[in-house]
Amino acid sequence: MAWRRSSYSGADTPSCIEVATVPDSILVRDSKNPDGPRLALAPTTRVKTFSPTYWTLAA
């Protein structure tokens, strides 16, 4: 599985999210803790706002 870093993160920014796609989910993880918990979203989920401390789903 290939993880991609957020396009809003700079190369030297330690705080960012990474995403990976698998057949039935979109996975999100904290780049500082790659072996930690992952958020699994359905491919049809629309994310309105996402930050390391706060996120909301679109209505």
N, C-alpha and C. Protein backbone atom coordinates (compact mmCIF):
# COMPACT_ATOMS: atom_id res chain seq x y z
N MET A 1 0.84 -1.16 0.00
CA MET A 1 0.00 0.00 0.00
C MET A 1 0.90 1.23 0.00
N ALA A 2 0.60 2.17 -0.86
CA ALA A 2 1.38 3.40 -0.97
C ALA A 2 0.70 4.53 -0.23
N TRP A 3 1.43 5.17 0.68
CA TRP A 3 0.93 6.31 1.42
C TRP A 3 1.40 7.58 0.73
N ARG A 4 0.50 8.58 0.65
CA ARG A 4 0.84 9.86 0.04
C ARG A 4 0.66 10.96 1.08
N ARG A 5 1.59 11.88 1.08
CA ARG A 5 1.54 13.00 2.02
C ARG A 5 0.64 14.10 1.47
N SER A 6 -0.02 14.80 2.35
CA SER A 6 -0.89 15.90 1.96
C SER A 6 -0.12 16.91 1.12
N SER A 7 -0.74 17.41 0.06
CA SER A 7 -0.09 18.39 -0.80
C SER A 7 0.11 19.73 -0.09
N TYR A 8 -0.57 19.93 1.03
CA TYR A 8 -0.41 21.16 1.80
C TYR A 8 0.78 21.10 2.75
N SER A 9 1.43 19.96 2.85
CA SER A 9 2.57 19.79 3.75
C SER A 9 3.85 20.02 2.98
N GLY A 10 4.76 20.75 3.58
CA GLY A 10 6.06 20.94 2.97
C GLY A 10 6.95 19.74 3.24
N ALA A 11 8.05 19.65 2.53
CA ALA A 11 8.96 18.52 2.69
C ALA A 11 9.55 18.45 4.09
N ASP A 12 9.72 19.60 4.74
CA ASP A 12 10.33 19.61 6.07
C ASP A 12 9.31 19.81 7.19
N THR A 13 8.03 19.64 6.89
CA THR A 13 6.98 19.80 7.89
C THR A 13 6.71 18.46 8.57
N PRO A 14 6.94 18.36 9.89
CA PRO A 14 6.74 17.07 10.56
C PRO A 14 5.27 16.75 10.84
N SER A 15 4.41 17.75 10.87
CA SER A 15 3.01 17.53 11.20
C SER A 15 2.14 17.54 9.95
N CYS A 16 1.72 16.38 9.53
CA CYS A 16 0.84 16.31 8.37
C CYS A 16 0.09 14.98 8.40
N ILE A 17 -0.81 14.84 7.47
CA ILE A 17 -1.51 13.58 7.34
C ILE A 17 -1.05 12.89 6.06
N GLU A 18 -1.24 11.60 6.03
CA GLU A 18 -0.96 10.81 4.84
C GLU A 18 -2.21 10.01 4.51
N VAL A 19 -2.43 9.75 3.24
CA VAL A 19 -3.59 8.98 2.81
C VAL A 19 -3.14 7.82 1.93
N ALA A 20 -3.92 6.76 1.98
CA ALA A 20 -3.70 5.60 1.11
C ALA A 20 -5.08 5.08 0.71
N THR A 21 -5.16 4.51 -0.46
CA THR A 21 -6.43 3.94 -0.90
C THR A 21 -6.30 2.43 -1.01
N VAL A 22 -7.33 1.75 -0.57
CA VAL A 22 -7.47 0.31 -0.70
C VAL A 22 -8.83 0.09 -1.36
N PRO A 23 -9.14 -1.10 -1.81
CA PRO A 23 -10.37 -1.30 -2.58
C PRO A 23 -11.66 -0.78 -1.94
N ASP A 24 -11.78 -0.86 -0.61
CA ASP A 24 -13.05 -0.47 0.00
C ASP A 24 -12.95 0.70 0.97
N SER A 25 -11.78 1.35 1.05
CA SER A 25 -11.60 2.44 2.01
C SER A 25 -10.54 3.43 1.56
N ILE A 26 -10.62 4.61 2.16
CA ILE A 26 -9.55 5.60 2.09
C ILE A 26 -9.00 5.68 3.50
N LEU A 27 -7.71 5.42 3.66
CA LEU A 27 -7.09 5.40 4.98
C LEU A 27 -6.35 6.70 5.22
N VAL A 28 -6.42 7.21 6.45
CA VAL A 28 -5.74 8.44 6.84
C VAL A 28 -4.94 8.15 8.10
N ARG A 29 -3.69 8.63 8.13
CA ARG A 29 -2.86 8.44 9.32
C ARG A 29 -2.02 9.68 9.59
N ASP A 30 -1.50 9.77 10.79
CA ASP A 30 -0.60 10.84 11.20
C ASP A 30 0.80 10.46 10.76
N SER A 31 1.47 11.33 10.02
CA SER A 31 2.79 11.00 9.51
C SER A 31 3.83 10.83 10.62
N LYS A 32 3.59 11.43 11.79
CA LYS A 32 4.52 11.29 12.91
C LYS A 32 4.39 9.93 13.59
N ASN A 33 3.30 9.22 13.33
CA ASN A 33 3.05 7.94 13.98
C ASN A 33 2.55 6.94 12.94
N PRO A 34 3.40 6.53 12.00
CA PRO A 34 2.95 5.67 10.90
C PRO A 34 2.45 4.29 11.33
N ASP A 35 2.84 3.83 12.51
CA ASP A 35 2.35 2.54 12.99
C ASP A 35 1.16 2.68 13.93
N GLY A 36 0.70 3.90 14.14
CA GLY A 36 -0.42 4.17 15.03
C GLY A 36 -1.76 3.94 14.37
N PRO A 37 -2.82 4.43 15.01
CA PRO A 37 -4.17 4.21 14.49
C PRO A 37 -4.38 4.89 13.14
N ARG A 38 -5.31 4.35 12.39
CA ARG A 38 -5.67 4.87 11.08
C ARG A 38 -7.17 5.10 11.02
N LEU A 39 -7.55 6.15 10.37
CA LEU A 39 -8.95 6.45 10.16
C LEU A 39 -9.34 5.87 8.80
N ALA A 40 -10.36 5.03 8.76
CA ALA A 40 -10.83 4.43 7.51
C ALA A 40 -12.14 5.09 7.10
N LEU A 41 -12.17 5.67 5.91
CA LEU A 41 -13.35 6.33 5.38
C LEU A 41 -13.86 5.56 4.17
N ALA A 42 -15.17 5.56 4.01
CA ALA A 42 -15.76 4.96 2.80
C ALA A 42 -15.34 5.82 1.60
N PRO A 43 -15.11 5.21 0.44
CA PRO A 43 -14.71 5.99 -0.74
C PRO A 43 -15.71 7.07 -1.13
N THR A 44 -16.96 6.94 -0.71
CA THR A 44 -17.98 7.93 -1.06
C THR A 44 -18.08 9.07 -0.04
N THR A 45 -17.28 9.03 1.03
CA THR A 45 -17.31 10.07 2.05
C THR A 45 -16.70 11.34 1.50
N ARG A 46 -17.40 12.44 1.72
CA ARG A 46 -16.87 13.75 1.32
C ARG A 46 -16.40 14.46 2.58
N VAL A 47 -15.13 14.80 2.63
CA VAL A 47 -14.58 15.50 3.78
C VAL A 47 -14.58 16.99 3.49
N LYS A 48 -15.25 17.73 4.35
CA LYS A 48 -15.34 19.17 4.18
C LYS A 48 -14.10 19.86 4.74
N THR A 49 -13.72 19.52 5.96
CA THR A 49 -12.58 20.12 6.62
C THR A 49 -11.82 19.04 7.37
N PHE A 50 -10.51 19.03 7.25
CA PHE A 50 -9.71 18.05 7.97
C PHE A 50 -8.44 18.72 8.46
N SER A 51 -8.18 18.63 9.73
CA SER A 51 -6.92 19.08 10.31
C SER A 51 -6.53 18.05 11.37
N PRO A 52 -5.31 18.08 11.86
CA PRO A 52 -4.90 17.07 12.84
C PRO A 52 -5.77 17.03 14.10
N THR A 53 -6.41 18.14 14.45
CA THR A 53 -7.19 18.16 15.69
C THR A 53 -8.69 18.29 15.45
N TYR A 54 -9.13 18.51 14.22
CA TYR A 54 -10.53 18.77 13.97
C TYR A 54 -10.88 18.40 12.55
N TRP A 55 -11.99 17.70 12.36
CA TRP A 55 -12.47 17.43 11.00
C TRP A 55 -13.99 17.32 11.00
N THR A 56 -14.58 17.67 9.89
CA THR A 56 -16.03 17.57 9.74
C THR A 56 -16.35 16.90 8.41
N LEU A 57 -17.44 16.16 8.40
CA LEU A 57 -17.88 15.54 7.16
C LEU A 57 -18.88 16.46 6.49
N ALA A 58 -18.84 16.49 5.19
CA ALA A 58 -19.80 17.30 4.44
C ALA A 58 -21.19 16.72 4.59
N ALA A 59 -22.17 17.57 4.55
CA ALA A 59 -23.55 17.12 4.71
C ALA A 59 -24.05 16.46 3.45
